[in-house]
Amino acid sequence: MVKGLYTAHTGMVNEMKRLDIMANNLANANTTGYKKEGTTSRTFADEMAIRLKDTSVYGLGARIGEITYGVHLGQVYTDYTEGSFRVTDNATDFALDGEGFFAVAFTDKEGNTSVKYTRDGAFTVNVDGYLVTKDGDYVLNATGAMNGDPNPANFIQVDPNAPIMVNQLGYVLQNDQVVGTLGVVDFDNYDYIEKYGENLYNLLDGGNRIASEAKIEQGVLETSNVNVINEMVNMITIQRAYEAGQKVITSIDGTLDKAVNTVGRV
């Protein structure tokens, strides 16, 4: 076994995975409320040769030498840093100033409805007067968001012909009357939420919803937190690391070729 080949190979595979994630970030640089992903890397656990039948150290076999097989992708994580705000002056566009998520009643292709969470506040009012996402999913009120209940009774319905005002607490006002409350919740541990698609999140078993202290801003949207310049710089770094792995494999291949076809003749 040539350890250098394994080291170079695992390094190249790791860079390929990092590049895939970075490409997805760049593709969503203009997606409202998108949170970029990142990666961590770690080495494989050291593997050591063990001296058989060695009883000199409390009956345990002594280890001789260390062998490592390179590096692999440790963890893919989501960066929940808040993005900058973009003013739209649209009455049904909202952004969260602080930690929290809007709750929506998401219906999949099989007709199953469940609660999803998003930072994308680009909503609209449908023909029936319900506040919905751009994909047509109903926005939940405060009760539905906190209880995780996508029941139609927790949808927000307004008069489509009257102006809509929403204060920072989420109260929806029309004609100086409260007609609903935008459902915004937070989570006690973000390790218990996972991405669903590009802009939605699932709450996993073990996660808990808590009240959010985020302020709701009307007429603005939160842009993605992807910095295109940083991503491009990192992409160049990844490319150079990948090329370095290629050169290592080429160098080792040349050495093996000489060992087999030249030294082997002697």
Protein backbone atom coordinates (compact mmCIF):
# COMPACT_ATOMS: atom_id res chain seq x y z
CA MET A 1 0.00 0.00 0.00
CA VAL A 2 1.28 3.47 -0.93
CA LYS A 3 0.01 5.88 1.72
CA GLY A 4 0.63 8.92 -0.46
CA LEU A 5 -2.00 7.76 -2.96
CA TYR A 6 -4.63 7.46 -0.23
CA THR A 7 -3.72 10.84 1.21
CA ALA A 8 -3.94 12.57 -2.17
CA HIS A 9 -7.12 10.75 -3.14
CA THR A 10 -9.03 11.57 0.04
CA GLY A 11 -7.86 15.18 -0.18
CA MET A 12 -9.18 15.49 -3.74
CA VAL A 13 -12.53 13.92 -2.83
CA ASN A 14 -12.82 16.33 0.08
CA GLU A 15 -12.19 19.32 -2.18
CA MET A 16 -14.82 18.06 -4.65
CA LYS A 17 -17.44 17.94 -1.91
CA ARG A 18 -16.46 21.41 -0.70
CA LEU A 19 -16.77 22.71 -4.25
CA ASP A 20 -20.27 21.23 -4.61
CA ILE A 21 -21.42 23.02 -1.47
CA MET A 22 -19.79 26.28 -2.53
CA ALA A 23 -21.40 26.08 -5.97
CA ASN A 24 -24.80 25.68 -4.29
CA ASN A 25 -24.10 28.79 -2.20
CA LEU A 26 -23.25 30.79 -5.30
CA ALA A 27 -26.35 29.53 -7.10
CA ASN A 28 -28.46 30.87 -4.21
CA ALA A 29 -26.62 34.16 -3.74
CA ASN A 30 -29.78 36.01 -4.84
CA THR A 31 -32.27 33.75 -3.05
CA THR A 32 -34.23 35.67 -0.41
CA GLY A 33 -33.40 34.55 3.13
CA TYR A 34 -30.98 31.82 2.02
CA LYS A 35 -28.39 30.72 4.60
CA LYS A 36 -25.06 29.58 3.24
CA GLU A 37 -23.48 26.25 4.07
CA GLY A 38 -19.91 25.46 5.02
CA THR A 39 -17.79 22.40 5.69
CA THR A 40 -15.28 21.19 8.21
CA SER A 41 -12.53 18.65 7.53
CA ARG A 42 -10.94 16.09 9.78
CA THR A 43 -8.35 13.37 9.48
CA PHE A 44 -9.12 9.72 9.78
CA ALA A 45 -8.35 8.11 13.11
CA ASP A 46 -4.72 6.98 13.36
CA GLU A 47 -4.19 3.31 12.59
CA MET A 48 -1.19 1.67 14.23
CA ALA A 49 0.48 -1.69 13.98
CA ILE A 50 0.14 -3.75 17.17
CA ARG A 51 2.73 -6.15 18.56
CA LEU A 52 1.00 -9.49 19.00
CA LYS A 53 1.08 -11.34 22.34
CA ASP A 54 2.75 -8.40 24.08
CA THR A 55 2.00 -8.36 27.81
CA SER A 56 4.51 -5.70 28.86
CA VAL A 57 1.90 -2.92 29.26
CA TYR A 58 -0.85 -4.27 31.50
CA GLY A 59 -1.60 -7.06 29.07
CA LEU A 60 -2.22 -4.69 26.15
CA GLY A 61 -0.44 -4.98 22.87
CA ALA A 62 2.03 -2.14 22.28
CA ARG A 63 1.48 -0.03 19.19
CA ILE A 64 4.28 0.40 16.69
CA GLY A 65 4.22 3.34 14.29
CA GLU A 66 1.38 5.48 13.02
CA ILE A 67 -0.53 5.29 9.74
CA THR A 68 -3.12 7.83 8.62
CA TYR A 69 -5.21 7.64 5.47
CA GLY A 70 -5.66 11.32 4.75
CA VAL A 71 -8.66 13.56 5.28
CA HIS A 72 -12.40 13.47 4.77
CA LEU A 73 -15.38 15.76 5.08
CA GLY A 74 -16.16 16.24 8.74
CA GLN A 75 -19.46 18.10 8.84
CA VAL A 76 -21.68 20.25 6.65
CA TYR A 77 -23.08 23.13 8.68
CA THR A 78 -25.42 26.07 8.06
CA ASP A 79 -24.38 29.63 8.81
CA TYR A 80 -27.46 31.37 10.27
CA THR A 81 -25.90 34.83 10.21
CA GLU A 82 -28.48 37.47 9.30
CA GLY A 83 -28.31 38.82 5.76
CA SER A 84 -28.67 42.47 4.79
CA PHE A 85 -32.09 44.03 4.13
CA ARG A 86 -33.35 45.15 0.74
CA VAL A 87 -36.16 47.71 0.62
CA THR A 88 -39.05 46.76 -1.69
CA ASP A 89 -41.89 48.95 -0.31
CA ASN A 90 -44.20 45.99 -0.95
CA ALA A 91 -46.77 45.72 1.86
CA THR A 92 -46.59 41.90 1.89
CA ASP A 93 -42.79 41.66 2.03
CA PHE A 94 -41.37 41.07 5.49
CA ALA A 95 -37.96 40.56 7.08
CA LEU A 96 -36.98 39.40 10.56
CA ASP A 97 -34.58 41.60 12.48
CA GLY A 98 -33.20 39.02 14.89
CA GLU A 99 -33.30 35.27 15.37
CA GLY A 100 -36.49 33.50 14.31
CA PHE A 101 -38.43 31.99 11.43
CA PHE A 102 -41.80 32.46 9.77
CA ALA A 103 -44.02 29.36 9.94
CA VAL A 104 -45.91 28.14 6.87
CA ALA A 105 -48.27 25.26 6.12
CA PHE A 106 -46.34 23.39 3.42
CA THR A 107 -48.16 20.92 1.16
CA ASP A 108 -46.03 18.40 -0.76
CA LYS A 109 -46.79 16.74 -4.10
CA GLU A 110 -48.62 13.88 -2.36
CA GLY A 111 -50.96 16.34 -0.67
CA ASN A 112 -49.46 15.97 2.81
CA THR A 113 -49.42 19.18 4.84
CA SER A 114 -46.83 19.95 7.53
CA VAL A 115 -45.29 22.98 9.17
CA LYS A 116 -42.07 24.32 7.68
CA TYR A 117 -40.02 27.34 8.70
CA THR A 118 -38.39 30.01 6.58
CA ARG A 119 -36.62 33.37 6.64
CA ASP A 120 -38.07 34.24 3.25
CA GLY A 121 -40.82 36.79 3.89
CA ALA A 122 -41.75 37.43 0.25
CA PHE A 123 -45.47 36.82 0.74
CA THR A 124 -48.55 37.75 -1.25
CA VAL A 125 -52.33 37.70 -0.87
CA ASN A 126 -54.23 35.13 -2.94
CA VAL A 127 -57.69 35.54 -4.47
CA ASP A 128 -59.35 34.32 -1.27
CA GLY A 129 -57.53 36.91 0.84
CA TYR A 130 -55.09 34.49 2.50
CA LEU A 131 -51.48 35.44 3.07
CA VAL A 132 -49.35 32.89 1.20
CA THR A 133 -45.77 32.32 0.10
CA LYS A 134 -44.69 32.73 -3.51
CA ASP A 135 -45.25 28.95 -3.87
CA GLY A 136 -48.82 29.22 -2.58
CA ASP A 137 -48.26 27.79 0.91
CA TYR A 138 -50.30 29.42 3.65
CA VAL A 139 -48.57 31.61 6.23
CA LEU A 140 -49.48 30.61 9.80
CA ASN A 141 -50.55 32.91 12.60
CA ALA A 142 -48.88 33.05 16.03
CA THR A 143 -50.97 30.17 17.41
CA GLY A 144 -50.28 27.83 14.52
CA ALA A 145 -46.57 28.68 14.52
CA MET A 146 -46.02 28.06 18.22
CA ASN A 147 -48.13 24.87 18.29
CA GLY A 148 -46.86 23.55 14.95
CA ASP A 149 -50.46 23.24 13.77
CA PRO A 150 -51.14 23.70 10.00
CA ASN A 151 -54.92 23.72 10.53
CA PRO A 152 -56.76 26.15 8.17
CA ALA A 153 -58.07 27.92 11.28
CA ASN A 154 -54.51 29.16 11.79
CA PHE A 155 -54.20 30.74 8.34
CA ILE A 156 -54.06 34.53 8.06
CA GLN A 157 -56.92 36.01 6.01
CA VAL A 158 -57.15 39.69 5.13
CA ASP A 159 -59.26 41.95 2.95
CA PRO A 160 -57.39 42.01 -0.39
CA ASN A 161 -58.88 45.42 -1.20
CA ALA A 162 -57.76 47.18 2.00
CA PRO A 163 -54.25 48.42 2.88
CA ILE A 164 -52.21 46.11 5.10
CA MET A 165 -50.09 47.38 7.97
CA VAL A 166 -47.90 45.11 10.12
CA ASN A 167 -46.07 46.41 13.18
CA GLN A 168 -42.81 45.06 14.61
CA LEU A 169 -44.68 42.67 16.92
CA GLY A 170 -46.34 41.01 13.95
CA TYR A 171 -49.88 42.34 14.37
CA VAL A 172 -51.64 42.61 11.02
CA LEU A 173 -53.81 45.74 10.89
CA GLN A 174 -56.52 46.79 8.47
CA ASN A 175 -58.76 49.81 9.04
CA ASP A 176 -57.13 50.18 12.46
CA GLN A 177 -58.32 46.69 13.43
CA VAL A 178 -56.14 43.66 14.23
CA VAL A 179 -57.02 40.91 11.75
CA GLY A 180 -54.21 38.49 12.57
CA THR A 181 -50.68 38.00 13.83
CA LEU A 182 -47.73 36.75 11.80
CA GLY A 183 -46.41 33.52 13.26
CA VAL A 184 -42.71 33.82 14.14
CA VAL A 185 -40.88 31.28 16.31
CA ASP A 186 -37.33 30.41 17.23
CA PHE A 187 -35.66 27.17 18.39
CA ASP A 188 -33.70 26.38 21.52
CA ASN A 189 -31.10 24.43 19.55
CA TYR A 190 -30.44 24.89 15.83
CA ASP A 191 -28.89 21.42 15.67
CA TYR A 192 -32.45 20.10 15.60
CA ILE A 193 -33.47 21.83 12.39
CA GLU A 194 -32.57 20.71 8.90
CA LYS A 195 -32.90 22.25 5.48
CA TYR A 196 -35.82 21.26 3.30
CA GLY A 197 -35.08 22.44 -0.21
CA GLU A 198 -33.28 25.76 -0.39
CA ASN A 199 -35.33 28.04 1.84
CA LEU A 200 -37.41 25.89 4.17
CA TYR A 201 -36.48 24.10 7.39
CA ASN A 202 -37.81 21.07 9.26
CA LEU A 203 -37.93 20.75 13.04
CA LEU A 204 -36.47 17.37 14.00
CA ASP A 205 -37.49 15.18 16.90
CA GLY A 206 -35.98 16.55 20.09
CA GLY A 207 -36.12 20.19 18.96
CA ASN A 208 -38.32 22.71 20.75
CA ARG A 209 -40.01 25.85 19.52
CA ILE A 210 -39.56 28.93 21.65
CA ALA A 211 -40.81 32.50 21.41
CA SER A 212 -38.84 34.69 19.05
CA GLU A 213 -37.67 38.18 19.97
CA ALA A 214 -37.16 39.17 16.34
CA LYS A 215 -38.74 42.39 15.12
CA ILE A 216 -40.77 42.26 11.93
CA GLU A 217 -39.91 44.84 9.29
CA GLN A 218 -42.51 45.51 6.58
CA GLY A 219 -41.66 46.46 3.02
CA VAL A 220 -38.19 44.88 3.11
CA LEU A 221 -36.68 41.47 2.41
CA GLU A 222 -33.64 39.74 3.88
CA THR A 223 -31.09 38.87 1.23
CA SER A 224 -28.91 35.77 1.40
CA ASN A 225 -25.84 35.88 3.63
CA VAL A 226 -23.61 34.60 0.81
CA ASN A 227 -20.62 36.85 0.09
CA VAL A 228 -19.89 36.20 -3.58
CA ILE A 229 -16.35 37.58 -3.41
CA ASN A 230 -15.40 35.35 -0.47
CA GLU A 231 -16.93 32.34 -2.17
CA MET A 232 -14.96 32.98 -5.36
CA VAL A 233 -11.70 33.34 -3.40
CA ASN A 234 -12.42 30.07 -1.58
CA MET A 235 -13.18 28.42 -4.90
CA ILE A 236 -9.72 29.34 -6.19
CA THR A 237 -8.19 27.90 -3.00
CA ILE A 238 -10.13 24.67 -3.49
CA GLN A 239 -9.00 24.42 -7.10
CA ARG A 240 -5.35 24.81 -6.13
CA ALA A 241 -5.66 22.20 -3.38
CA TYR A 242 -7.26 19.79 -5.86
CA GLU A 243 -4.46 20.38 -8.36
CA ALA A 244 -1.91 19.72 -5.61
CA GLY A 245 -3.51 16.33 -5.00
CA GLN A 246 -3.29 15.57 -8.72
CA LYS A 247 0.41 16.41 -8.77
CA VAL A 248 1.05 14.13 -5.78
CA ILE A 249 -0.65 11.21 -7.53
CA THR A 250 1.25 11.90 -10.76
CA SER A 251 4.55 12.06 -8.87
CA ILE A 252 3.89 8.80 -7.00
CA ASP A 253 2.76 7.12 -10.23
CA GLY A 254 6.05 8.09 -11.86
CA THR A 255 8.01 6.75 -8.91
CA LEU A 256 6.14 3.43 -9.01
CA ASP A 257 6.69 3.20 -12.75
CA LYS A 258 10.45 3.51 -12.25
CA ALA A 259 10.40 1.06 -9.36
CA VAL A 260 8.59 -1.58 -11.41
CA ASN A 261 10.06 -1.09 -14.90
CA THR A 262 13.60 0.10 -14.08
CA VAL A 263 14.65 -1.04 -10.62
CA GLY A 264 12.79 -4.31 -11.07
CA ARG A 265 15.02 -5.28 -13.96
CA VAL A 266 18.17 -5.24 -11.86
